[in-house]
Amino acid sequence: MPATSKRYPVPLSHVPAGYTVRVVGIIAGRGAARRLAEMGLTPGSIVRVLKNDVGPILLYVRGITVAIGKGMAMKVLVEVI
């Protein structure tokens, strides 16, 4: 991750495995925002990216591992912590 990403929000889909991030915003309609919230992805949530290569992104959030598609991950803005 470039150093500037620590200061500016980036889509979750752009964060490599091994990074821990904080959710700073959700850019989605009500249905998608609700689905993300059900997975624990709400502003302020701390998320560790476990896998981000081919296929779904694996995340560790609020004590559980969740899988999220890249399209949905584009809707989640995060900052590296």
C-alpha atoms as a PDB file:
ATOM      1  CA  MET A   1       0.000   0.000   0.000  1.00  0.00           C
ATOM      2  CA  PRO A   2       1.316   3.464  -0.793  1.00  0.00           C
ATOM      3  CA  ALA A   3       2.045   5.678   2.210  1.00  0.00           C
ATOM      4  CA  THR A   4      -0.682   8.107   1.108  1.00  0.00           C
ATOM      5  CA  SER A   5      -3.349   5.451   1.619  1.00  0.00           C
ATOM      6  CA  LYS A   6      -2.853   5.884   5.367  1.00  0.00           C
ATOM      7  CA  ARG A   7      -4.356   9.358   5.063  1.00  0.00           C
ATOM      8  CA  TYR A   8      -6.948   8.957   2.333  1.00  0.00           C
ATOM      9  CA  PRO A   9      -9.797   6.458   2.150  1.00  0.00           C
ATOM     10  CA  VAL A  10      -9.419   3.686  -0.407  1.00  0.00           C
ATOM     11  CA  PRO A  11     -11.876   0.985  -1.470  1.00  0.00           C
ATOM     12  CA  LEU A  12     -11.550  -2.198   0.577  1.00  0.00           C
ATOM     13  CA  SER A  13     -11.052  -4.104  -2.684  1.00  0.00           C
ATOM     14  CA  HIS A  14      -7.654  -2.361  -3.113  1.00  0.00           C
ATOM     15  CA  VAL A  15      -6.203  -3.442   0.249  1.00  0.00           C
ATOM     16  CA  PRO A  16      -3.726  -6.354   0.096  1.00  0.00           C
ATOM     17  CA  ALA A  17      -3.838  -9.309   2.472  1.00  0.00           C
ATOM     18  CA  GLY A  18      -2.185  -8.717   5.823  1.00  0.00           C
ATOM     19  CA  TYR A  19      -3.353  -5.136   6.340  1.00  0.00           C
ATOM     20  CA  THR A  20      -5.639  -3.948   9.116  1.00  0.00           C
ATOM     21  CA  VAL A  21      -8.013  -1.130   8.221  1.00  0.00           C
ATOM     22  CA  ARG A  22     -10.832   0.943   9.698  1.00  0.00           C
ATOM     23  CA  VAL A  23     -14.082   1.386   7.773  1.00  0.00           C
ATOM     24  CA  VAL A  24     -14.665   5.101   7.210  1.00  0.00           C
ATOM     25  CA  GLY A  25     -17.631   5.009   4.847  1.00  0.00           C
ATOM     26  CA  ILE A  26     -20.064   2.945   2.833  1.00  0.00           C
ATOM     27  CA  ILE A  27     -21.092   4.065  -0.647  1.00  0.00           C
ATOM     28  CA  ALA A  28     -24.075   1.838  -1.369  1.00  0.00           C
ATOM     29  CA  GLY A  29     -27.838   1.742  -1.568  1.00  0.00           C
ATOM     30  CA  ARG A  30     -29.964   0.614   1.364  1.00  0.00           C
ATOM     31  CA  GLY A  31     -29.938  -3.076   0.455  1.00  0.00           C
ATOM     32  CA  ALA A  32     -26.185  -3.338  -0.024  1.00  0.00           C
ATOM     33  CA  ALA A  33     -25.500  -1.196   3.049  1.00  0.00           C
ATOM     34  CA  ARG A  34     -27.761  -3.465   5.114  1.00  0.00           C
ATOM     35  CA  ARG A  35     -25.983  -6.589   3.834  1.00  0.00           C
ATOM     36  CA  LEU A  36     -22.593  -5.068   4.667  1.00  0.00           C
ATOM     37  CA  ALA A  37     -23.833  -4.148   8.153  1.00  0.00           C
ATOM     38  CA  GLU A  38     -25.009  -7.746   8.663  1.00  0.00           C
ATOM     39  CA  MET A  39     -21.417  -8.831   7.985  1.00  0.00           C
ATOM     40  CA  GLY A  40     -20.124  -6.318  10.537  1.00  0.00           C
ATOM     41  CA  LEU A  41     -18.879  -3.769   8.009  1.00  0.00           C
ATOM     42  CA  THR A  42     -20.062  -0.453   9.410  1.00  0.00           C
ATOM     43  CA  PRO A  43     -18.209   2.857   9.830  1.00  0.00           C
ATOM     44  CA  GLY A  44     -15.674   2.504  12.628  1.00  0.00           C
ATOM     45  CA  SER A  45     -15.293  -1.279  12.274  1.00  0.00           C
ATOM     46  CA  ILE A  46     -11.751  -2.648  12.394  1.00  0.00           C
ATOM     47  CA  VAL A  47     -11.094  -5.198   9.650  1.00  0.00           C
ATOM     48  CA  ARG A  48      -8.108  -7.430   8.883  1.00  0.00           C
ATOM     49  CA  VAL A  49      -7.736  -8.509   5.254  1.00  0.00           C
ATOM     50  CA  LEU A  50      -6.892 -12.227   5.245  1.00  0.00           C
ATOM     51  CA  LYS A  51      -6.985 -12.898   1.481  1.00  0.00           C
ATOM     52  CA  ASN A  52      -7.320 -10.619  -1.504  1.00  0.00           C
ATOM     53  CA  ASP A  53      -6.223 -12.214  -4.741  1.00  0.00           C
ATOM     54  CA  VAL A  54      -8.509 -14.242  -7.004  1.00  0.00           C
ATOM     55  CA  GLY A  55     -12.057 -14.887  -5.919  1.00  0.00           C
ATOM     56  CA  PRO A  56     -13.771 -13.379  -2.898  1.00  0.00           C
ATOM     57  CA  ILE A  57     -11.919 -11.289  -0.342  1.00  0.00           C
ATOM     58  CA  LEU A  58     -11.636 -12.939   3.084  1.00  0.00           C
ATOM     59  CA  LEU A  59     -11.906 -10.604   6.062  1.00  0.00           C
ATOM     60  CA  TYR A  60     -11.672 -10.969   9.826  1.00  0.00           C
ATOM     61  CA  VAL A  61     -14.184  -8.599  11.371  1.00  0.00           C
ATOM     62  CA  ARG A  62     -15.735  -8.575  14.848  1.00  0.00           C
ATOM     63  CA  GLY A  63     -14.383 -12.019  15.693  1.00  0.00           C
ATOM     64  CA  ILE A  64     -15.552 -13.857  12.580  1.00  0.00           C
ATOM     65  CA  THR A  65     -14.232 -14.545   9.095  1.00  0.00           C
ATOM     66  CA  VAL A  66     -16.425 -13.325   6.244  1.00  0.00           C
ATOM     67  CA  ALA A  67     -16.137 -13.508   2.459  1.00  0.00           C
ATOM     68  CA  ILE A  68     -17.099 -10.533   0.326  1.00  0.00           C
ATOM     69  CA  GLY A  69     -17.119 -10.108  -3.443  1.00  0.00           C
ATOM     70  CA  LYS A  70     -14.871  -7.532  -5.074  1.00  0.00           C
ATOM     71  CA  GLY A  71     -17.850  -5.497  -6.306  1.00  0.00           C
ATOM     72  CA  MET A  72     -19.267  -5.225  -2.802  1.00  0.00           C
ATOM     73  CA  ALA A  73     -15.792  -4.439  -1.422  1.00  0.00           C
ATOM     74  CA  MET A  74     -15.594  -1.456  -3.806  1.00  0.00           C
ATOM     75  CA  LYS A  75     -18.466   0.107  -1.846  1.00  0.00           C
ATOM     76  CA  VAL A  76     -16.528   0.054   1.452  1.00  0.00           C
ATOM     77  CA  LEU A  77     -14.079   2.929   2.026  1.00  0.00           C
ATOM     78  CA  VAL A  78     -11.295   2.238   4.514  1.00  0.00           C
ATOM     79  CA  GLU A  79      -8.132   3.757   5.948  1.00  0.00           C
ATOM     80  CA  VAL A  80      -5.047   1.782   6.926  1.00  0.00           C
ATOM     81  CA  ILE A  81      -4.342   1.752  10.665  1.00  0.00           C
END
